[in-house]
Protein backbone atom coordinates (compact mmCIF):
# COMPACT_ATOMS: atom_id res chain seq x y z
CA MET A 1 40.20 24.01 18.07
CA ARG A 2 36.73 25.31 18.73
CA GLY A 3 35.63 24.87 15.11
CA ARG A 4 36.79 21.26 15.17
CA LEU A 5 34.78 20.50 18.29
CA ARG A 6 31.67 22.15 16.91
CA GLY A 7 31.94 20.19 13.64
CA TRP A 8 32.36 16.91 15.53
CA LEU A 9 29.37 17.66 17.73
CA ARG A 10 27.20 18.55 14.75
CA ARG A 11 28.15 15.32 12.97
CA THR A 12 27.38 13.23 16.08
CA ILE A 13 23.97 14.79 16.63
CA THR A 14 23.11 14.37 12.95
CA TYR A 15 23.99 10.65 13.03
CA LYS A 16 21.88 10.10 16.17
CA TRP A 17 18.88 11.84 14.66
CA ALA A 18 19.28 10.05 11.33
CA ARG A 19 19.35 6.67 13.10
CA ARG A 20 16.32 7.61 15.17
CA ILE A 21 14.38 8.67 12.07
CA VAL A 22 15.28 5.50 10.16
CA VAL A 23 14.27 3.29 13.10
CA ALA A 24 11.01 5.25 13.49
CA VAL A 25 10.10 4.94 9.80
CA ILE A 26 10.95 1.24 9.45
CA GLY A 27 9.54 0.18 12.83
CA GLY A 28 6.45 2.36 12.45
CA SER A 29 5.74 0.96 8.99
CA ILE A 30 6.05 -2.62 10.20
CA LEU A 31 3.88 -1.86 13.24
CA LEU A 32 1.18 -0.25 11.07
CA LEU A 33 1.32 -3.20 8.69
CA GLY A 34 0.81 -5.53 11.65
CA VAL A 35 -2.14 -3.51 12.93
CA ALA A 36 -3.67 -3.66 9.44
CA MET A 37 -3.18 -7.42 9.48
CA VAL A 38 -5.54 -7.64 12.45
CA VAL A 39 -8.42 -7.19 9.99
CA LEU A 40 -6.62 -8.25 6.80
CA PRO A 41 -5.17 -11.69 6.20
CA GLY A 42 -1.68 -12.02 7.60
CA PRO A 43 0.36 -12.94 10.68
CA ALA A 44 -0.40 -9.92 12.87
CA ILE A 45 0.66 -11.84 15.98
CA ILE A 46 4.20 -11.98 14.59
CA VAL A 47 4.42 -8.63 12.80
CA ILE A 48 3.21 -6.36 15.64
CA PRO A 49 5.87 -7.52 18.15
CA LEU A 50 8.48 -7.28 15.39
CA GLY A 51 7.55 -3.64 14.75
CA LEU A 52 7.61 -2.89 18.48
CA GLY A 53 10.98 -4.60 18.78
CA ILE A 54 12.46 -2.43 16.05
CA LEU A 55 10.96 0.71 17.58
CA GLY A 56 12.27 -0.42 20.96
CA LEU A 57 15.82 0.05 19.69
CA GLU A 58 15.34 3.82 20.05
CA PHE A 59 12.11 4.49 21.97
CA ALA A 60 11.40 3.58 25.59
CA TRP A 61 7.61 3.60 25.10
CA ALA A 62 7.92 0.80 22.54
CA ARG A 63 10.02 -1.29 24.95
CA ILE A 64 7.34 -0.83 27.62
CA TRP A 65 4.53 -1.85 25.22
CA LEU A 66 6.54 -4.87 24.09
CA ARG A 67 7.11 -5.93 27.70
CA LYS A 68 3.37 -5.61 28.46
CA LEU A 69 2.52 -7.57 25.31
CA ARG A 70 4.96 -10.32 26.31
CA GLU A 71 3.48 -10.49 29.83
CA ALA A 72 -0.06 -10.70 28.44
CA ALA A 73 0.98 -13.48 26.06
CA ASN A 74 2.61 -15.38 28.95
CA ASP A 75 -0.61 -15.01 30.98
CA VAL A 76 -2.66 -16.45 28.11
CA VAL A 77 -0.25 -19.37 27.69
CA ASN A 78 -0.34 -20.08 31.43
CA ARG A 79 -4.14 -20.05 31.45
CA VAL A 80 -4.28 -22.41 28.48
CA ARG A 81 -1.84 -24.79 30.15
CA GLY A 82 -3.85 -24.65 33.37
CA ARG A 83 -1.21 -23.13 35.62
CA ARG A 84 -2.53 -21.09 38.50
CA ASP A 85 0.68 -19.33 39.45
CA PRO A 86 2.18 -17.55 36.47
CA VAL A 87 5.91 -18.08 36.10
CA SER A 88 7.81 -14.80 36.00
CA PRO A 89 9.67 -14.43 32.65
CA ARG A 90 12.89 -13.08 34.18
């Protein structure tokens, strides 16, 4: 019984780490591509949040950065539209 439990636990931890690594590689690559597009031609405004969104599937720091980026974008839109009181995006 003990060997079965240990094998199950090892398989579960391996899957979690494999998912985390895949998300980190794909999301990190997209994020770096978006950062490069800040100086190169390309839609950095779209690609950077996409990379953060993918990284946010596994990492809390990426979710926090994405939330701050969304709030900053809402502030810019509100200023452009001439609103004084920003509407909370909740």
